[in-house]
Amino acid sequence: MNGVAIWSMQGGFVEYHHLLFDRHQMIWSDGLLTESFLPGPNTMPGFDDGVQAEIYELFPELREDAAAGYGGAARRGLKAFEARALLG
């Protein structure tokens, strides 16, 4: 938070909507490039059991191996050492 382009505000609520397409997508939302929901071993544990159960009920093919059943990311992600190199 630099007080110019990024700032913190007290109060209010944030509501998240996850969009799941046939494959991972980069989409424009409210003027910002964002990504659709990418189910997989890195994201699914972040949801409580009830949410995971609902996702698996709607999309049973994701239950066995979400990474293989859904596909890869829309864009290549940085590895930790690559991110550190950019910062250093």
Protein backbone atom coordinates (compact mmCIF):
# COMPACT_ATOMS: atom_id res chain seq x y z
CA MET A 1 0.00 0.00 0.00
CA ASN A 2 1.67 3.15 -1.17
CA GLY A 3 -1.09 5.67 -0.45
CA VAL A 4 -1.23 6.73 -4.09
CA ALA A 5 -2.34 3.80 -6.26
CA ILE A 6 -3.00 1.32 -3.45
CA TRP A 7 -4.65 2.05 -0.14
CA SER A 8 -6.47 0.29 2.67
CA MET A 9 -9.99 1.17 3.75
CA GLN A 10 -11.68 0.15 6.98
CA GLY A 11 -15.09 -1.48 6.96
CA GLY A 12 -17.20 -2.76 4.13
CA PHE A 13 -17.45 -6.21 2.66
CA VAL A 14 -15.87 -8.02 -0.26
CA GLU A 15 -17.89 -10.52 -2.22
CA TYR A 16 -16.06 -12.99 -4.43
CA HIS A 17 -17.52 -14.71 -7.47
CA HIS A 18 -15.59 -17.60 -8.97
CA LEU A 19 -16.14 -18.21 -12.67
CA LEU A 20 -15.35 -21.68 -14.00
CA PHE A 21 -15.11 -22.16 -17.76
CA ASP A 22 -14.31 -25.24 -19.86
CA ARG A 23 -10.69 -24.22 -19.48
CA HIS A 24 -8.77 -21.59 -17.53
CA GLN A 25 -9.31 -18.07 -18.92
CA MET A 26 -7.97 -14.56 -18.53
CA ILE A 27 -10.96 -12.20 -18.42
CA TRP A 28 -11.57 -8.48 -18.00
CA SER A 29 -13.56 -7.60 -14.91
CA ASP A 30 -14.25 -4.01 -13.96
CA GLY A 31 -11.31 -2.84 -16.06
CA LEU A 32 -8.79 -5.31 -14.63
CA LEU A 33 -7.38 -8.42 -16.25
CA THR A 34 -8.17 -11.29 -13.90
CA GLU A 35 -8.24 -15.05 -14.10
CA SER A 36 -11.08 -17.51 -13.89
CA PHE A 37 -11.16 -20.20 -11.22
CA LEU A 38 -8.48 -22.84 -11.79
CA PRO A 39 -9.40 -25.96 -9.81
CA GLY A 40 -6.50 -28.07 -8.69
CA PRO A 41 -4.37 -29.23 -5.80
CA ASN A 42 -3.22 -25.68 -4.99
CA THR A 43 -6.69 -24.12 -4.86
CA MET A 44 -9.20 -26.72 -3.72
CA PRO A 45 -7.82 -27.06 -0.15
CA GLY A 46 -8.54 -23.33 0.30
CA PHE A 47 -12.28 -24.04 0.30
CA ASP A 48 -14.12 -25.52 3.25
CA ASP A 49 -15.50 -29.06 2.95
CA GLY A 50 -19.01 -27.91 2.00
CA VAL A 51 -17.78 -25.79 -0.90
CA GLN A 52 -15.51 -28.58 -2.13
CA ALA A 53 -18.43 -31.03 -1.98
CA GLU A 54 -20.60 -28.65 -4.03
CA ILE A 55 -17.90 -28.21 -6.67
CA TYR A 56 -17.39 -31.98 -6.93
CA GLU A 57 -21.14 -32.55 -7.12
CA LEU A 58 -21.41 -30.11 -10.04
CA PHE A 59 -18.19 -31.24 -11.71
CA PRO A 60 -17.48 -34.87 -10.69
CA GLU A 61 -14.65 -35.15 -13.22
CA LEU A 62 -12.60 -32.82 -11.02
CA ARG A 63 -12.76 -35.14 -8.01
CA GLU A 64 -10.16 -37.69 -9.06
CA ASP A 65 -7.40 -35.46 -10.37
CA ALA A 66 -8.40 -31.84 -10.84
CA ALA A 67 -5.11 -30.89 -12.48
CA ALA A 68 -5.40 -33.60 -15.15
CA GLY A 69 -9.20 -33.42 -15.47
CA TYR A 70 -9.31 -29.68 -15.99
CA GLY A 71 -6.13 -28.69 -17.77
CA GLY A 72 -3.38 -26.16 -17.33
CA ALA A 73 -3.27 -22.48 -16.55
CA ALA A 74 -4.11 -19.89 -19.22
CA ARG A 75 -0.70 -18.26 -18.71
CA ARG A 76 2.61 -19.50 -17.46
CA GLY A 77 3.18 -18.76 -13.77
CA LEU A 78 6.47 -17.73 -12.21
CA LYS A 79 8.43 -20.16 -10.13
CA ALA A 80 9.59 -18.87 -6.73
CA PHE A 81 13.19 -18.37 -7.90
CA GLU A 82 11.99 -16.42 -10.96
CA ALA A 83 9.93 -14.08 -8.80
CA ARG A 84 12.90 -13.55 -6.47
CA ALA A 85 15.13 -12.73 -9.46
CA LEU A 86 12.68 -10.06 -10.61
CA LEU A 87 12.65 -8.48 -7.15
CA GLY A 88 16.41 -8.59 -6.69
